[in-house]
Amino acid sequence: MNPALAADAVMVVHFAFILFVLFGAALLVRWPWLVGLHLPALAWGVWIELSGGVCPLTPLEVELREAAGQAGYSGGFIDRYLTPIIYPDGLTRSTQALFAGILLVVNGLLYVRFLRQRR
């Protein structure tokens, strides 16, 4: 597979995972079995944000881009629109803590909704 295409695919998967972590609890009303997938994903997302760690998809994508001879993120839909969301400028530890808080609040509200509907 072309390394640039593989890097784009990794970024799309990364973005989809972020969306699932943030809003996956909203899917539980329709598919309650997703709770077994969402809770670990949510825990991972919060841990990554609070620990200052890096998701393994990030270095994989960078490695694939380097293998494709790309120096950075420029051009194309994915680079123009998804990169700033996944890798915002000025990402600091306090911003990551804020993101973790947002994850917990959004999902806390969605889980309360889910649990109320289950009763």
PDB file of N, CA and C in Angstrom:
ATOM      1  N   MET A   1       0.845  -1.183   0.000  1.00  0.00           N
ATOM      2  CA  MET A   1       0.000   0.000   0.000  1.00  0.00           C
ATOM      3  C   MET A   1       0.884   1.238   0.000  1.00  0.00           C
ATOM      4  N   ASN A   2       0.461   2.237  -0.679  1.00  0.00           N
ATOM      5  CA  ASN A   2       1.140   3.521  -0.739  1.00  0.00           C
ATOM      6  C   ASN A   2       1.215   4.109   0.684  1.00  0.00           C
ATOM      7  N   PRO A   3       2.414   4.488   1.157  1.00  0.00           N
ATOM      8  CA  PRO A   3       2.536   5.012   2.531  1.00  0.00           C
ATOM      9  C   PRO A   3       1.701   6.268   2.782  1.00  0.00           C
ATOM     10  N   ALA A   4       1.565   7.130   1.783  1.00  0.00           N
ATOM     11  CA  ALA A   4       0.758   8.341   1.971  1.00  0.00           C
ATOM     12  C   ALA A   4      -0.712   7.979   2.151  1.00  0.00           C
ATOM     13  N   LEU A   5      -1.182   7.023   1.367  1.00  0.00           N
ATOM     14  CA  LEU A   5      -2.560   6.564   1.496  1.00  0.00           C
ATOM     15  C   LEU A   5      -2.765   5.877   2.846  1.00  0.00           C
ATOM     16  N   ALA A   6      -1.791   5.088   3.265  1.00  0.00           N
ATOM     17  CA  ALA A   6      -1.874   4.420   4.567  1.00  0.00           C
ATOM     18  C   ALA A   6      -1.902   5.454   5.694  1.00  0.00           C
ATOM     19  N   ALA A   7      -1.105   6.510   5.586  1.00  0.00           N
ATOM     20  CA  ALA A   7      -1.098   7.573   6.600  1.00  0.00           C
ATOM     21  C   ALA A   7      -2.455   8.262   6.650  1.00  0.00           C
ATOM     22  N   ASP A   8      -3.047   8.513   5.491  1.00  0.00           N
ATOM     23  CA  ASP A   8      -4.388   9.109   5.455  1.00  0.00           C
ATOM     24  C   ASP A   8      -5.407   8.180   6.111  1.00  0.00           C
ATOM     25  N   ALA A   9      -5.292   6.887   5.850  1.00  0.00           N
ATOM     26  CA  ALA A   9      -6.213   5.914   6.446  1.00  0.00           C
ATOM     27  C   ALA A   9      -6.058   5.895   7.968  1.00  0.00           C
ATOM     28  N   VAL A  10      -4.817   5.950   8.448  1.00  0.00           N
ATOM     29  CA  VAL A  10      -4.581   5.982   9.893  1.00  0.00           C
ATOM     30  C   VAL A  10      -5.207   7.232  10.491  1.00  0.00           C
ATOM     31  N   MET A  11      -5.081   8.372   9.801  1.00  0.00           N
ATOM     32  CA  MET A  11      -5.657   9.604  10.323  1.00  0.00           C
ATOM     33  C   MET A  11      -7.184   9.517  10.366  1.00  0.00           C
ATOM     34  N   VAL A  12      -7.792   8.933   9.364  1.00  0.00           N
ATOM     35  CA  VAL A  12      -9.251   8.787   9.359  1.00  0.00           C
ATOM     36  C   VAL A  12      -9.690   7.882  10.517  1.00  0.00           C
ATOM     37  N   VAL A  13      -8.981   6.770  10.716  1.00  0.00           N
ATOM     38  CA  VAL A  13      -9.296   5.871  11.832  1.00  0.00           C
ATOM     39  C   VAL A  13      -9.115   6.600  13.162  1.00  0.00           C
ATOM     40  N   HIS A  14      -8.051   7.364  13.273  1.00  0.00           N
ATOM     41  CA  HIS A  14      -7.775   8.138  14.484  1.00  0.00           C
ATOM     42  C   HIS A  14      -8.918   9.110  14.765  1.00  0.00           C
ATOM     43  N   PHE A  15      -9.353   9.820  13.731  1.00  0.00           N
ATOM     44  CA  PHE A  15     -10.442  10.782  13.880  1.00  0.00           C
ATOM     45  C   PHE A  15     -11.741  10.074  14.265  1.00  0.00           C
ATOM     46  N   ALA A  16     -12.019   8.947  13.634  1.00  0.00           N
ATOM     47  CA  ALA A  16     -13.224   8.177  13.959  1.00  0.00           C
ATOM     48  C   ALA A  16     -13.180   7.703  15.414  1.00  0.00           C
ATOM     49  N   PHE A  17     -12.008   7.282  15.861  1.00  0.00           N
ATOM     50  CA  PHE A  17     -11.859   6.841  17.249  1.00  0.00           C
ATOM     51  C   PHE A  17     -12.116   8.006  18.205  1.00  0.00           C
ATOM     52  N   ILE A  18     -11.584   9.173  17.881  1.00  0.00           N
ATOM     53  CA  ILE A  18     -11.808  10.356  18.722  1.00  0.00           C
ATOM     54  C   ILE A  18     -13.306  10.669  18.804  1.00  0.00           C
ATOM     55  N   LEU A  19     -13.991  10.610  17.669  1.00  0.00           N
ATOM     56  CA  LEU A  19     -15.430  10.849  17.666  1.00  0.00           C
ATOM     57  C   LEU A  19     -16.170   9.800  18.504  1.00  0.00           C
ATOM     58  N   PHE A  20     -15.733   8.544  18.407  1.00  0.00           N
ATOM     59  CA  PHE A  20     -16.354   7.480  19.192  1.00  0.00           C
ATOM     60  C   PHE A  20     -16.127   7.707  20.683  1.00  0.00           C
ATOM     61  N   VAL A  21     -14.928   8.111  21.050  1.00  0.00           N
ATOM     62  CA  VAL A  21     -14.633   8.382  22.465  1.00  0.00           C
ATOM     63  C   VAL A  21     -15.503   9.527  22.969  1.00  0.00           C
ATOM     64  N   LEU A  22     -15.636  10.568  22.168  1.00  0.00           N
ATOM     65  CA  LEU A  22     -16.382  11.750  22.598  1.00  0.00           C
ATOM     66  C   LEU A  22     -17.892  11.532  22.579  1.00  0.00           C
ATOM     67  N   PHE A  23     -18.401  10.912  21.523  1.00  0.00           N
ATOM     68  CA  PHE A  23     -19.854  10.816  21.357  1.00  0.00           C
ATOM     69  C   PHE A  23     -20.399   9.389  21.329  1.00  0.00           C
ATOM     70  N   GLY A  24     -19.552   8.401  21.562  1.00  0.00           N
ATOM     71  CA  GLY A  24     -19.985   7.008  21.480  1.00  0.00           C
ATOM     72  C   GLY A  24     -21.117   6.658  22.420  1.00  0.00           C
ATOM     73  N   ALA A  25     -21.182   7.308  23.561  1.00  0.00           N
ATOM     74  CA  ALA A  25     -22.252   7.012  24.515  1.00  0.00           C
ATOM     75  C   ALA A  25     -23.622   7.359  23.937  1.00  0.00           C
ATOM     76  N   ALA A  26     -23.675   8.263  22.979  1.00  0.00           N
ATOM     77  CA  ALA A  26     -24.946   8.598  22.339  1.00  0.00           C
ATOM     78  C   ALA A  26     -25.488   7.415  21.537  1.00  0.00           C
ATOM     79  N   LEU A  27     -24.607   6.522  21.121  1.00  0.00           N
ATOM     80  CA  LEU A  27     -25.022   5.351  20.341  1.00  0.00           C
ATOM     81  C   LEU A  27     -25.609   4.248  21.216  1.00  0.00           C
ATOM     82  N   LEU A  28     -25.424   4.343  22.506  1.00  0.00           N
ATOM     83  CA  LEU A  28     -25.850   3.277  23.420  1.00  0.00           C
ATOM     84  C   LEU A  28     -27.362   3.111  23.477  1.00  0.00           C
ATOM     85  N   VAL A  29     -28.095   4.179  23.231  1.00  0.00           N
ATOM     86  CA  VAL A  29     -29.545   4.094  23.246  1.00  0.00           C
ATOM     87  C   VAL A  29     -30.008   3.110  22.171  1.00  0.00           C
ATOM     88  N   ARG A  30     -29.370   3.140  21.041  1.00  0.00           N
ATOM     89  CA  ARG A  30     -29.734   2.253  19.929  1.00  0.00           C
ATOM     90  C   ARG A  30     -29.035   0.904  20.013  1.00  0.00           C
ATOM     91  N   TRP A  31     -27.750   0.926  20.412  1.00  0.00           N
ATOM     92  CA  TRP A  31     -26.948  -0.297  20.475  1.00  0.00           C
ATOM     93  C   TRP A  31     -26.296  -0.409  21.855  1.00  0.00           C
ATOM     94  N   PRO A  32     -27.037  -0.865  22.859  1.00  0.00           N
ATOM     95  CA  PRO A  32     -26.501  -0.931  24.232  1.00  0.00           C
ATOM     96  C   PRO A  32     -25.249  -1.789  24.367  1.00  0.00           C
ATOM     97  N   TRP A  33     -25.055  -2.766  23.503  1.00  0.00           N
ATOM     98  CA  TRP A  33     -23.885  -3.640  23.579  1.00  0.00           C
ATOM     99  C   TRP A  33     -22.584  -2.871  23.334  1.00  0.00           C
ATOM    100  N   LEU A  34     -22.672  -1.670  22.766  1.00  0.00           N
ATOM    101  CA  LEU A  34     -21.462  -0.871  22.531  1.00  0.00           C
ATOM    102  C   LEU A  34     -20.808  -0.385  23.818  1.00  0.00           C
ATOM    103  N   VAL A  35     -21.523  -0.486  24.950  1.00  0.00           N
ATOM    104  CA  VAL A  35     -20.947  -0.025  26.211  1.00  0.00           C
ATOM    105  C   VAL A  35     -19.631  -0.751  26.498  1.00  0.00           C
ATOM    106  N   GLY A  36     -19.560  -2.030  26.123  1.00  0.00           N
ATOM    107  CA  GLY A  36     -18.337  -2.806  26.338  1.00  0.00           C
ATOM    108  C   GLY A  36     -17.171  -2.343  25.486  1.00  0.00           C
ATOM    109  N   LEU A  37     -17.449  -1.649  24.409  1.00  0.00           N
ATOM    110  CA  LEU A  37     -16.392  -1.064  23.568  1.00  0.00           C
ATOM    111  C   LEU A  37     -16.133   0.385  23.956  1.00  0.00           C
ATOM    112  N   HIS A  38     -17.221   1.082  24.307  1.00  0.00           N
ATOM    113  CA  HIS A  38     -17.065   2.516  24.559  1.00  0.00           C
ATOM    114  C   HIS A  38     -16.344   2.829  25.865  1.00  0.00           C
ATOM    115  N   LEU A  39     -16.683   2.125  26.941  1.00  0.00           N
ATOM    116  CA  LEU A  39     -16.037   2.441  28.222  1.00  0.00           C
ATOM    117  C   LEU A  39     -14.510   2.293  28.167  1.00  0.00           C
ATOM    118  N   PRO A  40     -13.964   1.217  27.592  1.00  0.00           N
ATOM    119  CA  PRO A  40     -12.499   1.162  27.472  1.00  0.00           C
ATOM    120  C   PRO A  40     -11.937   2.255  26.555  1.00  0.00           C
ATOM    121  N   ALA A  41     -12.663   2.574  25.491  1.00  0.00           N
ATOM    122  CA  ALA A  41     -12.198   3.642  24.594  1.00  0.00           C
ATOM    123  C   ALA A  41     -12.198   4.979  25.330  1.00  0.00           C
ATOM    124  N   LEU A  42     -13.232   5.236  26.097  1.00  0.00           N
ATOM    125  CA  LEU A  42     -13.313   6.464  26.884  1.00  0.00           C
ATOM    126  C   LEU A  42     -12.189   6.520  27.913  1.00  0.00           C
ATOM    127  N   ALA A  43     -11.957   5.407  28.606  1.00  0.00           N
ATOM    128  CA  ALA A  43     -10.865   5.361  29.591  1.00  0.00           C
ATOM    129  C   ALA A  43      -9.528   5.652  28.925  1.00  0.00           C
ATOM    130  N   TRP A  44      -9.316   5.068  27.749  1.00  0.00           N
ATOM    131  CA  TRP A  44      -8.073   5.310  27.005  1.00  0.00           C
ATOM    132  C   TRP A  44      -7.950   6.788  26.649  1.00  0.00           C
ATOM    133  N   GLY A  45      -9.025   7.374  26.139  1.00  0.00           N
ATOM    134  CA  GLY A  45      -8.985   8.790  25.753  1.00  0.00           C
ATOM    135  C   GLY A  45      -8.678   9.699  26.927  1.00  0.00           C
ATOM    136  N   VAL A  46      -9.320   9.445  28.060  1.00  0.00           N
ATOM    137  CA  VAL A  46      -9.066  10.260  29.251  1.00  0.00           C
ATOM    138  C   VAL A  46      -7.629  10.045  29.727  1.00  0.00           C
ATOM    139  N   TRP A  47      -7.168   8.797  29.724  1.00  0.00           N
ATOM    140  CA  TRP A  47      -5.801   8.521  30.166  1.00  0.00           C
ATOM    141  C   TRP A  47      -4.782   9.215  29.270  1.00  0.00           C
ATOM    142  N   ILE A  48      -4.972   9.142  27.968  1.00  0.00           N
ATOM    143  CA  ILE A  48      -4.038   9.807  27.045  1.00  0.00           C
ATOM    144  C   ILE A  48      -3.985  11.304  27.320  1.00  0.00           C
ATOM    145  N   GLU A  49      -5.148  11.912  27.514  1.00  0.00           N
ATOM    146  CA  GLU A  49      -5.177  13.361  27.766  1.00  0.00           C
ATOM    147  C   GLU A  49      -4.538  13.722  29.104  1.00  0.00           C
ATOM    148  N   LEU A  50      -4.846  12.967  30.153  1.00  0.00           N
ATOM    149  CA  LEU A  50      -4.327  13.321  31.477  1.00  0.00           C
ATOM    150  C   LEU A  50      -2.860  12.949  31.662  1.00  0.00           C
ATOM    151  N   SER A  51      -2.421  11.898  31.002  1.00  0.00           N
ATOM    152  CA  SER A  51      -1.030  11.468  31.166  1.00  0.00           C
ATOM    153  C   SER A  51      -0.074  12.244  30.275  1.00  0.00           C
ATOM    154  N   GLY A  52      -0.625  12.936  29.293  1.00  0.00           N
ATOM    155  CA  GLY A  52       0.245  13.621  28.344  1.00  0.00           C
ATOM    156  C   GLY A  52       0.872  12.656  27.358  1.00  0.00           C
ATOM    157  N   GLY A  53       0.343  11.452  27.336  1.00  0.00           N
ATOM    158  CA  GLY A  53       0.857  10.431  26.440  1.00  0.00           C
ATOM    159  C   GLY A  53       0.469  10.687  24.997  1.00  0.00           C
ATOM    160  N   VAL A  54       0.911   9.796  24.157  1.00  0.00           N
ATOM    161  CA  VAL A  54       0.638   9.908  22.729  1.00  0.00           C
ATOM    162  C   VAL A  54      -0.060   8.629  22.294  1.00  0.00           C
ATOM    163  N   CYS A  55      -1.128   8.784  21.575  1.00  0.00           N
ATOM    164  CA  CYS A  55      -1.820   7.631  21.009  1.00  0.00           C
ATOM    165  C   CYS A  55      -0.872   6.943  20.029  1.00  0.00           C
ATOM    166  N   PRO A  56      -0.817   5.627  20.024  1.00  0.00           N
ATOM    167  CA  PRO A  56       0.087   4.921  19.109  1.00  0.00           C
ATOM    168  C   PRO A  56      -0.205   5.192  17.635  1.00  0.00           C
ATOM    169  N   LEU A  57      -1.390   5.679  17.332  1.00  0.00           N
ATOM    170  CA  LEU A  57      -1.700   5.995  15.943  1.00  0.00           C
ATOM    171  C   LEU A  57      -0.910   7.205  15.445  1.00  0.00           C
ATOM    172  N   THR A  58      -0.567   8.101  16.355  1.00  0.00           N
ATOM    173  CA  THR A  58       0.163   9.316  15.951  1.00  0.00           C
ATOM    174  C   THR A  58       1.547   8.991  15.411  1.00  0.00           C
ATOM    175  N   PRO A  59       2.403   8.269  16.142  1.00  0.00           N
ATOM    176  CA  PRO A  59       3.718   7.963  15.562  1.00  0.00           C
ATOM    177  C   PRO A  59       3.625   7.062  14.326  1.00  0.00           C
ATOM    178  N   LEU A  60       2.612   6.197  14.283  1.00  0.00           N
ATOM    179  CA  LEU A  60       2.432   5.364  13.095  1.00  0.00           C
ATOM    180  C   LEU A  60       2.155   6.232  11.879  1.00  0.00           C
ATOM    181  N   GLU A  61       1.280   7.192  12.045  1.00  0.00           N
ATOM    182  CA  GLU A  61       0.965   8.090  10.933  1.00  0.00           C
ATOM    183  C   GLU A  61       2.194   8.894  10.504  1.00  0.00           C
ATOM    184  N   VAL A  62       2.929   9.416  11.479  1.00  0.00           N
ATOM    185  CA  VAL A  62       4.134  10.202  11.164  1.00  0.00           C
ATOM    186  C   VAL A  62       5.138   9.330  10.410  1.00  0.00           C
ATOM    187  N   GLU A  63       5.331   8.100  10.871  1.00  0.00           N
ATOM    188  CA  GLU A  63       6.263   7.186  10.204  1.00  0.00           C
ATOM    189  C   GLU A  63       5.838   6.920   8.762  1.00  0.00           C
ATOM    190  N   LEU A  64       4.553   6.715   8.561  1.00  0.00           N
ATOM    191  CA  LEU A  64       4.047   6.472   7.207  1.00  0.00           C
ATOM    192  C   LEU A  64       4.211   7.702   6.325  1.00  0.00           C
ATOM    193  N   ARG A  65       3.980   8.881   6.882  1.00  0.00           N
ATOM    194  CA  ARG A  65       4.164  10.116   6.100  1.00  0.00           C
ATOM    195  C   ARG A  65       5.631  10.295   5.723  1.00  0.00           C
ATOM    196  N   GLU A  66       6.517  10.014   6.660  1.00  0.00           N
ATOM    197  CA  GLU A  66       7.949  10.116   6.353  1.00  0.00           C
ATOM    198  C   GLU A  66       8.348   9.104   5.290  1.00  0.00           C
ATOM    199  N   ALA A  67       7.787   7.902   5.367  1.00  0.00           N
ATOM    200  CA  ALA A  67       8.073   6.878   4.353  1.00  0.00           C
ATOM    201  C   ALA A  67       7.578   7.304   2.980  1.00  0.00           C
ATOM    202  N   ALA A  68       6.535   8.144   2.973  1.00  0.00           N
ATOM    203  CA  ALA A  68       5.995   8.640   1.708  1.00  0.00           C
ATOM    204  C   ALA A  68       6.737   9.879   1.230  1.00  0.00           C
ATOM    205  N   GLY A  69       7.721  10.326   2.012  1.00  0.00           N
ATOM    206  CA  GLY A  69       8.486  11.510   1.638  1.00  0.00           C
ATOM    207  C   GLY A  69       7.782  12.807   1.945  1.00  0.00           C
ATOM    208  N   GLN A  70       6.791  12.759   2.807  1.00  0.00           N
ATOM    209  CA  GLN A  70       6.063  13.964   3.186  1.00  0.00           C
ATOM    210  C   GLN A  70       6.694  14.556   4.432  1.00  0.00           C
ATOM    211  N   ALA A  71       6.934  15.852   4.395  1.00  0.00           N
ATOM    212  CA  ALA A  71       7.556  16.511   5.535  1.00  0.00           C
ATOM    213  C   ALA A  71       6.531  17.004   6.541  1.00  0.00           C
ATOM    214  N   GLY A  72       5.352  17.273   6.098  1.00  0.00           N
ATOM    215  CA  GLY A  72       4.356  17.818   7.012  1.00  0.00           C
ATOM    216  C   GLY A  72       2.963  17.552   6.510  1.00  0.00           C
ATOM    217  N   TYR A  73       2.044  18.291   7.057  1.00  0.00           N
ATOM    218  CA  TYR A  73       0.648  18.131   6.710  1.00  0.00           C
ATOM    219  C   TYR A  73       0.215  19.311   5.862  1.00  0.00           C
ATOM    220  N   SER A  74       0.205  19.104   4.555  1.00  0.00           N
ATOM    221  CA  SER A  74      -0.271  20.173   3.688  1.00  0.00           C
ATOM    222  C   SER A  74      -0.994  19.553   2.508  1.00  0.00           C
ATOM    223  N   GLY A  75      -2.027  20.244   2.083  1.00  0.00           N
ATOM    224  CA  GLY A  75      -2.764  19.790   0.911  1.00  0.00           C
ATOM    225  C   GLY A  75      -3.743  18.691   1.208  1.00  0.00           C
ATOM    226  N   GLY A  76      -4.777  18.617   0.425  1.00  0.00           N
ATOM    227  CA  GLY A  76      -5.752  17.553   0.536  1.00  0.00           C
ATOM    228  C   GLY A  76      -6.758  17.771   1.649  1.00  0.00           C
ATOM    229  N   PHE A  77      -7.897  17.105   1.523  1.00  0.00           N
ATOM    230  CA  PHE A  77      -8.982  17.231   2.491  1.00  0.00           C
ATOM    231  C   PHE A  77      -8.547  16.812   3.882  1.00  0.00           C
ATOM    232  N   ILE A  78      -7.928  15.650   3.968  1.00  0.00           N
ATOM    233  CA  ILE A  78      -7.557  15.106   5.273  1.00  0.00           C
ATOM    234  C   ILE A  78      -6.591  16.037   5.995  1.00  0.00           C
ATOM    235  N   ASP A  79      -5.559  16.472   5.278  1.00  0.00           N
ATOM    236  CA  ASP A  79      -4.568  17.337   5.910  1.00  0.00           C
ATOM    237  C   ASP A  79      -5.138  18.706   6.265  1.00  0.00           C
ATOM    238  N   ARG A  80      -5.999  19.188   5.434  1.00  0.00           N
ATOM    239  CA  ARG A  80      -6.537  20.528   5.666  1.00  0.00           C
ATOM    240  C   ARG A  80      -7.572  20.565   6.787  1.00  0.00           C
ATOM    241  N   TYR A  81      -8.415  19.545   6.875  1.00  0.00           N
ATOM    242  CA  TYR A  81      -9.535  19.601   7.808  1.00  0.00           C
ATOM    243  C   TYR A  81      -9.394  18.716   9.036  1.00  0.00           C
ATOM    244  N   LEU A  82      -8.773  17.557   8.901  1.00  0.00           N
ATOM    245  CA  LEU A  82      -8.687  16.652  10.056  1.00  0.00           C
ATOM    246  C   LEU A  82      -7.452  16.912  10.917  1.00  0.00           C
ATOM    247  N   THR A  83      -6.343  17.256  10.299  1.00  0.00           N
ATOM    248  CA  THR A  83      -5.109  17.473  11.058  1.00  0.00           C
ATOM    249  C   THR A  83      -5.271  18.534  12.153  1.00  0.00           C
ATOM    250  N   PRO A  84      -5.871  19.705  11.861  1.00  0.00           N
ATOM    251  CA  PRO A  84      -6.006  20.698  12.939  1.00  0.00           C
ATOM    252  C   PRO A  84      -6.904  20.243  14.087  1.00  0.00           C
ATOM    253  N   ILE A  85      -7.809  19.325  13.819  1.00  0.00           N
ATOM    254  CA  ILE A  85      -8.682  18.830  14.886  1.00  0.00           C
ATOM    255  C   ILE A  85      -7.932  17.823  15.758  1.00  0.00           C
ATOM    256  N   ILE A  86      -7.192  16.923  15.109  1.00  0.00           N
ATOM    257  CA  ILE A  86      -6.483  15.889  15.848  1.00  0.00           C
ATOM    258  C   ILE A  86      -5.217  16.439  16.501  1.00  0.00           C
ATOM    259  N   TYR A  87      -4.534  17.349  15.817  1.00  0.00           N
ATOM    260  CA  TYR A  87      -3.283  17.918  16.319  1.00  0.00           C
ATOM    261  C   TYR A  87      -3.389  19.440  16.349  1.00  0.00           C
ATOM    262  N   PRO A  88      -4.161  20.022  17.282  1.00  0.00           N
ATOM    263  CA  PRO A  88      -4.329  21.481  17.291  1.00  0.00           C
ATOM    264  C   PRO A  88      -3.034  22.201  17.651  1.00  0.00           C
ATOM    265  N   ASP A  89      -2.889  23.412  17.112  1.00  0.00           N
ATOM    266  CA  ASP A  89      -1.740  24.245  17.459  1.00  0.00           C
ATOM    267  C   ASP A  89      -1.818  24.608  18.939  1.00  0.00           C
ATOM    268  N   GLY A  90      -0.680  24.698  19.582  1.00  0.00           N
ATOM    269  CA  GLY A  90      -0.626  25.120  20.974  1.00  0.00           C
ATOM    270  C   GLY A  90      -1.170  24.093  21.954  1.00  0.00           C
ATOM    271  N   LEU A  91      -1.095  22.819  21.607  1.00  0.00           N
ATOM    272  CA  LEU A  91      -1.576  21.771  22.508  1.00  0.00           C
ATOM    273  C   LEU A  91      -0.658  21.712  23.729  1.00  0.00           C
ATOM    274  N   THR A  92      -1.219  22.004  24.893  1.00  0.00           N
ATOM    275  CA  THR A  92      -0.449  22.004  26.139  1.00  0.00           C
ATOM    276  C   THR A  92      -1.070  21.005  27.109  1.00  0.00           C
ATOM    277  N   ARG A  93      -0.388  20.763  28.224  1.00  0.00           N
ATOM    278  CA  ARG A  93      -0.909  19.850  29.242  1.00  0.00           C
ATOM    279  C   ARG A  93      -2.232  20.371  29.805  1.00  0.00           C
ATOM    280  N   SER A  94      -2.352  21.691  29.995  1.00  0.00           N
ATOM    281  CA  SER A  94      -3.606  22.221  30.520  1.00  0.00           C
ATOM    282  C   SER A  94      -4.734  22.076  29.494  1.00  0.00           C
ATOM    283  N   THR A  95      -4.409  22.208  28.220  1.00  0.00           N
ATOM    284  CA  THR A  95      -5.415  21.986  27.178  1.00  0.00           C
ATOM    285  C   THR A  95      -5.838  20.526  27.163  1.00  0.00           C
ATOM    286  N   GLN A  96      -4.879  19.634  27.334  1.00  0.00           N
ATOM    287  CA  GLN A  96      -5.209  18.211  27.379  1.00  0.00           C
ATOM    288  C   GLN A  96      -6.090  17.893  28.584  1.00  0.00           C
ATOM    289  N   ALA A  97      -5.824  18.524  29.720  1.00  0.00           N
ATOM    290  CA  ALA A  97      -6.659  18.315  30.903  1.00  0.00           C
ATOM    291  C   ALA A  97      -8.079  18.830  30.640  1.00  0.00           C
ATOM    292  N   LEU A  98      -8.180  19.948  29.939  1.00  0.00           N
ATOM    293  CA  LEU A  98      -9.483  20.474  29.558  1.00  0.00           C
ATOM    294  C   LEU A  98     -10.211  19.483  28.656  1.00  0.00           C
ATOM    295  N   PHE A  99      -9.496  18.912  27.682  1.00  0.00           N
ATOM    296  CA  PHE A  99     -10.096  17.910  26.791  1.00  0.00           C
ATOM    297  C   PHE A  99     -10.584  16.697  27.587  1.00  0.00           C
ATOM    298  N   ALA A 100      -9.806  16.270  28.569  1.00  0.00           N
ATOM    299  CA  ALA A 100     -10.216  15.136  29.416  1.00  0.00           C
ATOM    300  C   ALA A 100     -11.492  15.491  30.169  1.00  0.00           C
ATOM    301  N   GLY A 101     -11.560  16.707  30.688  1.00  0.00           N
ATOM    302  CA  GLY A 101     -12.766  17.154  31.386  1.00  0.00           C
ATOM    303  C   GLY A 101     -13.982  17.173  30.463  1.00  0.00           C
ATOM    304  N   ILE A 102     -13.780  17.639  29.249  1.00  0.00           N
ATOM    305  CA  ILE A 102     -14.869  17.657  28.266  1.00  0.00           C
ATOM    306  C   ILE A 102     -15.338  16.232  27.976  1.00  0.00           C
ATOM    307  N   LEU A 103     -14.380  15.324  27.802  1.00  0.00           N
ATOM    308  CA  LEU A 103     -14.738  13.916  27.572  1.00  0.00           C
ATOM    309  C   LEU A 103     -15.598  13.378  28.705  1.00  0.00           C
ATOM    310  N   LEU A 104     -15.191  13.663  29.928  1.00  0.00           N
ATOM    311  CA  LEU A 104     -15.913  13.141  31.092  1.00  0.00           C
ATOM    312  C   LEU A 104     -17.300  13.764  31.231  1.00  0.00           C
ATOM    313  N   VAL A 105     -17.407  15.066  31.007  1.00  0.00           N
ATOM    314  CA  VAL A 105     -18.705  15.734  31.147  1.00  0.00           C
ATOM    315  C   VAL A 105     -19.665  15.287  30.053  1.00  0.00           C
ATOM    316  N   VAL A 106     -19.216  15.332  28.805  1.00  0.00           N
ATOM    317  CA  VAL A 106     -20.088  14.927  27.693  1.00  0.00           C
ATOM    318  C   VAL A 106     -20.555  13.490  27.881  1.00  0.00           C
ATOM    319  N   ASN A 107     -19.618  12.602  28.172  1.00  0.00           N
ATOM    320  CA  ASN A 107     -19.988  11.195  28.319  1.00  0.00           C
ATOM    321  C   ASN A 107     -20.774  10.940  29.595  1.00  0.00           C
ATOM    322  N   GLY A 108     -20.495  11.663  30.651  1.00  0.00           N
ATOM    323  CA  GLY A 108     -21.288  11.535  31.865  1.00  0.00           C
ATOM    324  C   GLY A 108     -22.752  11.862  31.592  1.00  0.00           C
ATOM    325  N   LEU A 109     -22.991  12.944  30.864  1.00  0.00           N
ATOM    326  CA  LEU A 109     -24.365  13.313  30.516  1.00  0.00           C
ATOM    327  C   LEU A 109     -25.017  12.267  29.616  1.00  0.00           C
ATOM    328  N   LEU A 110     -24.263  11.779  28.657  1.00  0.00           N
ATOM    329  CA  LEU A 110     -24.817  10.767  27.747  1.00  0.00           C
ATOM    330  C   LEU A 110     -25.098   9.452  28.465  1.00  0.00           C
ATOM    331  N   TYR A 111     -24.250   9.069  29.416  1.00  0.00           N
ATOM    332  CA  TYR A 111     -24.498   7.845  30.179  1.00  0.00           C
ATOM    333  C   TYR A 111     -25.689   8.003  31.117  1.00  0.00           C
ATOM    334  N   VAL A 112     -25.869   9.172  31.694  1.00  0.00           N
ATOM    335  CA  VAL A 112     -27.051   9.415  32.524  1.00  0.00           C
ATOM    336  C   VAL A 112     -28.303   9.254  31.665  1.00  0.00           C
ATOM    337  N   ARG A 113     -28.292   9.822  30.485  1.00  0.00           N
ATOM    338  CA  ARG A 113     -29.428   9.677  29.557  1.00  0.00           C
ATOM    339  C   ARG A 113     -29.672   8.203  29.225  1.00  0.00           C
ATOM    340  N   PHE A 114     -28.598   7.492  28.928  1.00  0.00           N
ATOM    341  CA  PHE A 114     -28.712   6.076  28.585  1.00  0.00           C
ATOM    342  C   PHE A 114     -29.302   5.280  29.751  1.00  0.00           C
ATOM    343  N   LEU A 115     -28.801   5.506  30.958  1.00  0.00           N
ATOM    344  CA  LEU A 115     -29.274   4.764  32.124  1.00  0.00           C
ATOM    345  C   LEU A 115     -30.729   5.094  32.459  1.00  0.00           C
ATOM    346  N   ARG A 116     -31.122   6.349  32.275  1.00  0.00           N
ATOM    347  CA  ARG A 116     -32.520   6.720  32.520  1.00  0.00           C
ATOM    348  C   ARG A 116     -33.450   6.040  31.531  1.00  0.00           C
ATOM    349  N   GLN A 117     -33.040   5.928  30.288  1.00  0.00           N
ATOM    350  CA  GLN A 117     -33.867   5.274  29.281  1.00  0.00           C
ATOM    351  C   GLN A 117     -33.941   3.764  29.494  1.00  0.00           C
ATOM    352  N   ARG A 118     -32.934   3.205  30.097  1.00  0.00           N
ATOM    353  CA  ARG A 118     -32.929   1.758  30.357  1.00  0.00           C
ATOM    354  C   ARG A 118     -33.896   1.388  31.479  1.00  0.00           C
ATOM    355  N   ARG A 119     -34.212   2.342  32.335  1.00  0.00           N
ATOM    356  CA  ARG A 119     -35.121   2.068  33.457  1.00  0.00           C
ATOM    357  C   ARG A 119     -36.499   2.033  32.951  1.00  0.00           C
TER     358      ARG A 119
END
